[in-house]
Protein backbone atom coordinates (compact mmCIF):
# COMPACT_ATOMS: atom_id res chain seq x y z
CA MET A 1 5.63 10.95 -3.22
CA THR A 2 2.49 12.85 -1.24
CA LYS A 3 5.32 15.10 0.69
CA LEU A 4 6.68 16.28 -2.51
CA LEU A 5 3.45 16.99 -4.06
CA LEU A 6 2.38 19.20 -1.14
CA ASP A 7 5.76 20.93 -1.37
CA TYR A 8 6.41 21.10 -5.34
CA GLY A 9 2.90 19.99 -6.23
CA LEU A 10 2.22 21.30 -9.91
CA VAL A 11 5.73 21.21 -11.09
CA ILE A 12 6.35 17.44 -10.15
CA LEU A 13 2.83 16.84 -11.79
CA PHE A 14 4.16 18.69 -14.88
CA ALA A 15 7.41 16.59 -14.76
CA PHE A 16 6.03 13.28 -14.16
CA VAL A 17 3.16 13.44 -16.78
CA ALA A 18 5.57 15.11 -19.49
CA VAL A 19 8.27 12.39 -18.94
CA GLU A 20 6.13 9.51 -19.16
CA SER A 21 4.53 11.01 -22.12
CA ALA A 22 7.78 11.37 -23.75
CA GLY A 23 8.56 7.68 -23.45
CA VAL A 24 10.11 6.71 -19.97
CA PRO A 25 7.94 4.36 -17.86
CA ILE A 26 7.34 6.52 -14.79
CA PRO A 27 4.22 6.78 -12.72
CA GLY A 28 2.58 10.11 -14.44
CA GLU A 29 -1.00 8.83 -13.94
CA THR A 30 -0.39 7.81 -10.39
CA VAL A 31 0.82 11.30 -9.45
CA LEU A 32 -2.19 13.07 -11.32
CA ILE A 33 -4.24 10.93 -9.33
CA THR A 34 -2.54 11.86 -6.17
CA ALA A 35 -2.71 15.38 -7.38
CA ALA A 36 -6.32 15.54 -7.66
CA VAL A 37 -7.04 13.99 -4.07
CA LEU A 38 -4.90 16.63 -2.96
CA ALA A 39 -6.64 19.43 -4.44
CA ARG A 40 -9.98 18.53 -2.43
CA PRO A 41 -11.02 21.45 -0.30
CA GLU A 42 -9.86 19.90 2.97
CA HIS A 43 -6.28 19.87 1.82
CA HIS A 44 -6.21 23.26 0.45
CA ASN A 45 -3.14 22.66 -1.68
CA TYR A 46 -4.26 23.67 -5.27
CA SER A 47 -6.99 23.80 -7.50
CA LEU A 48 -8.51 20.98 -9.57
CA VAL A 49 -8.75 23.31 -12.52
CA SER A 50 -4.86 23.67 -11.89
CA VAL A 51 -4.03 20.17 -12.14
CA ILE A 52 -6.47 19.34 -14.90
CA VAL A 53 -4.18 22.31 -16.97
CA VAL A 54 -0.81 21.35 -15.99
CA ALA A 55 -1.52 17.41 -16.66
CA ALA A 56 -3.06 18.30 -20.01
CA ALA A 57 -0.30 20.51 -20.94
CA ALA A 58 2.29 17.99 -19.88
CA ALA A 59 0.69 15.50 -21.44
CA ILE A 60 0.68 17.22 -24.78
CA VAL A 61 4.38 18.56 -24.68
CA GLY A 62 5.62 15.32 -23.42
CA ASP A 63 3.98 13.40 -26.21
CA ASN A 64 5.16 15.98 -29.21
CA VAL A 65 8.95 15.39 -27.64
CA GLY A 66 8.47 11.63 -27.68
CA TYR A 67 7.08 12.13 -31.21
CA LEU A 68 9.89 14.53 -32.67
CA LEU A 69 12.95 11.88 -30.87
CA GLY A 70 10.90 9.29 -32.47
CA ARG A 71 10.51 10.81 -36.10
CA TYR A 72 14.10 12.39 -35.95
CA GLY A 73 16.20 10.07 -33.66
CA GLY A 74 14.64 6.94 -33.59
CA ARG A 75 16.07 5.13 -37.01
CA LYS A 76 19.26 6.40 -35.82
CA LEU A 77 19.03 4.68 -32.71
CA ILE A 78 17.66 1.41 -34.20
CA SER A 79 20.61 1.49 -36.66
CA ARG A 80 23.12 1.32 -33.85
CA TRP A 81 22.41 -2.55 -33.03
CA LYS A 82 22.12 -4.58 -35.89
CA PHE A 83 19.91 -7.42 -33.94
CA VAL A 84 17.27 -4.52 -33.31
CA GLU A 85 18.04 -3.28 -37.28
CA ARG A 86 16.97 -6.49 -38.45
CA TYR A 87 13.86 -6.57 -36.14
CA ALA A 88 13.01 -3.22 -37.36
CA GLN A 89 13.21 -3.67 -41.02
CA LYS A 90 10.67 -6.44 -40.51
CA ALA A 91 8.43 -4.60 -37.68
CA LEU A 92 8.29 -0.88 -39.01
CA PRO A 93 6.79 -1.28 -42.54
CA PRO A 94 3.54 -3.02 -41.18
CA SER A 95 3.88 -0.25 -38.25
CA GLU A 96 3.89 2.41 -40.88
CA ARG A 97 0.82 1.01 -42.71
CA PHE A 98 -1.07 0.70 -39.51
CA PHE A 99 -0.10 4.60 -38.40
CA GLU A 100 -1.36 5.62 -41.80
CA LYS A 101 -4.63 3.67 -41.44
CA HIS A 102 -5.10 3.93 -37.54
CA GLY A 103 -2.98 6.79 -36.44
CA PRO A 104 -5.29 8.71 -34.89
CA LYS A 105 -7.18 6.65 -33.20
CA THR A 106 -3.84 5.23 -31.46
CA VAL A 107 -2.54 8.51 -30.42
CA PHE A 108 -5.93 9.18 -28.88
CA PHE A 109 -6.96 5.91 -27.28
CA GLY A 110 -3.20 5.44 -26.67
CA ARG A 111 -3.33 8.10 -23.75
CA PHE A 112 -5.67 5.79 -21.97
CA ILE A 113 -3.77 2.79 -21.95
CA ALA A 114 -0.40 2.53 -20.10
CA ILE A 115 1.74 0.80 -22.31
CA LEU A 116 0.85 2.87 -25.56
CA ARG A 117 0.75 6.25 -23.08
CA VAL A 118 4.76 5.63 -22.96
CA THR A 119 5.12 4.41 -26.92
CA ALA A 120 2.69 5.65 -28.91
CA ALA A 121 4.18 8.98 -29.63
CA TRP A 122 7.62 7.39 -30.22
CA LEU A 123 5.65 4.97 -32.77
CA ALA A 124 4.04 7.99 -34.31
CA GLY A 125 7.34 9.51 -34.93
CA LEU A 126 9.14 6.53 -36.26
CA SER A 127 6.33 5.67 -38.51
CA HIS A 128 6.29 9.47 -39.81
CA MET A 129 2.64 10.23 -38.94
CA GLN A 130 1.80 13.67 -40.22
CA TRP A 131 2.69 16.19 -37.33
CA TRP A 132 -0.47 17.99 -37.48
CA ARG A 133 -2.49 15.06 -37.62
CA PHE A 134 -0.55 13.69 -34.28
CA PHE A 135 -0.97 17.19 -32.55
CA ALA A 136 -4.64 17.34 -33.00
CA TRP A 137 -5.19 14.10 -31.92
CA ASN A 138 -2.55 14.07 -29.01
CA ALA A 139 -3.78 17.24 -27.72
CA ALA A 140 -7.84 15.85 -27.74
CA GLY A 141 -6.46 12.67 -25.98
CA GLY A 142 -4.67 14.68 -23.50
CA ILE A 143 -7.05 16.89 -22.39
CA ILE A 144 -9.72 14.24 -22.20
CA TRP A 145 -7.46 12.09 -20.30
CA ALA A 146 -6.25 14.58 -17.94
CA THR A 147 -9.78 15.86 -17.26
CA GLY A 148 -11.09 12.08 -16.92
CA VAL A 149 -8.63 11.27 -14.61
CA ALA A 150 -8.40 14.12 -12.16
CA LEU A 151 -12.30 14.11 -11.74
CA LEU A 152 -12.43 10.52 -10.98
CA ALA A 153 -9.67 10.86 -8.64
CA TYR A 154 -11.23 13.94 -6.90
CA TRP A 155 -14.71 12.74 -6.71
CA ALA A 156 -13.36 9.12 -5.77
CA GLY A 157 -11.47 10.34 -3.02
CA LYS A 158 -14.27 12.06 -1.50
CA ALA A 159 -16.77 8.78 -1.98
CA VAL A 160 -13.76 6.68 -0.38
CA ALA A 161 -13.09 9.09 2.74
CA GLU A 162 -16.83 9.09 3.32
CA ALA A 163 -17.31 5.19 3.08
CA VAL A 164 -14.24 4.47 5.12
CA GLY A 165 -15.49 6.84 7.52
CA LYS A 166 -19.04 5.57 7.84
CA TYR A 167 -18.54 1.80 7.35
CA GLY A 168 -14.63 1.17 8.15
CA LEU A 169 -13.06 -1.68 6.96
CA TYR A 170 -15.74 -3.65 5.13
CA ALA A 171 -16.13 -0.36 3.32
CA VAL A 172 -12.27 -0.91 2.21
CA ILE A 173 -12.74 -4.24 1.24
CA VAL A 174 -15.85 -3.63 -1.01
CA LEU A 175 -14.02 -0.59 -2.75
CA ILE A 176 -10.87 -2.94 -3.42
CA VAL A 177 -13.09 -5.16 -4.82
CA LEU A 178 -15.36 -3.13 -6.90
CA GLY A 179 -11.95 -1.53 -7.97
CA GLY A 180 -10.84 -5.03 -9.35
CA LEU A 181 -13.68 -5.56 -11.33
CA GLY A 182 -13.67 -2.03 -13.03
CA LEU A 183 -10.08 -2.88 -13.81
CA VAL A 184 -11.06 -6.18 -15.36
CA ALA A 185 -14.11 -4.89 -17.11
CA LEU A 186 -12.04 -1.99 -18.37
CA HIS A 187 -9.28 -4.42 -19.77
CA LEU A 188 -11.70 -6.41 -21.26
CA TRP A 189 -13.44 -3.85 -22.94
CA ARG A 190 -10.06 -2.26 -24.19
CA LYS A 191 -8.93 -5.80 -25.58
CA ARG A 192 -12.67 -5.59 -27.51
CA MET A 193 -12.32 -2.28 -28.76
CA ILE A 194 -8.65 -3.36 -30.37
CA GLU A 195 -9.83 -6.29 -31.83
CA ASP A 196 -12.66 -4.71 -33.56
CA SER A 197 -10.47 -1.95 -35.00
């Protein structure tokens, strides 16, 4: 993956993030993290600003493709299989009510949650969320997500390299433990936010 990013960098970043955002579960965020680390000055590949701009644009474009697919083709796809259609007849009305009430929050915060990053645009389209509302919240989420993840990866990459250089294996162990604790804390915070909404 790293060699491909070195050779075709920003094109691959755009493709992975856009395809993931459109609804295909591929590692778009992982490619963004890798690209941001490779944007560090010692690698001399491309600028951090270009990584952020490309990732944000890809997130917005991909989500809009997913929204359009959900809105104009989702119900036709569902109706092809009777068992799926029966389930959808029960699930879609609550989904539509949910998106009517919480659509903007779901689209915005969905960008930061792996499963929702792949499905939120489709669900918004299937639920007939107004496109302009979807676009505004999707763009805000995409820009903040791309900026936050890229900056975190860029600076964390520097911190990890310095810590490993100075402290060796102990630094790696401590960083892995801290990263795991951080992921657990983030998961608990997200779960609480979802329960509160």
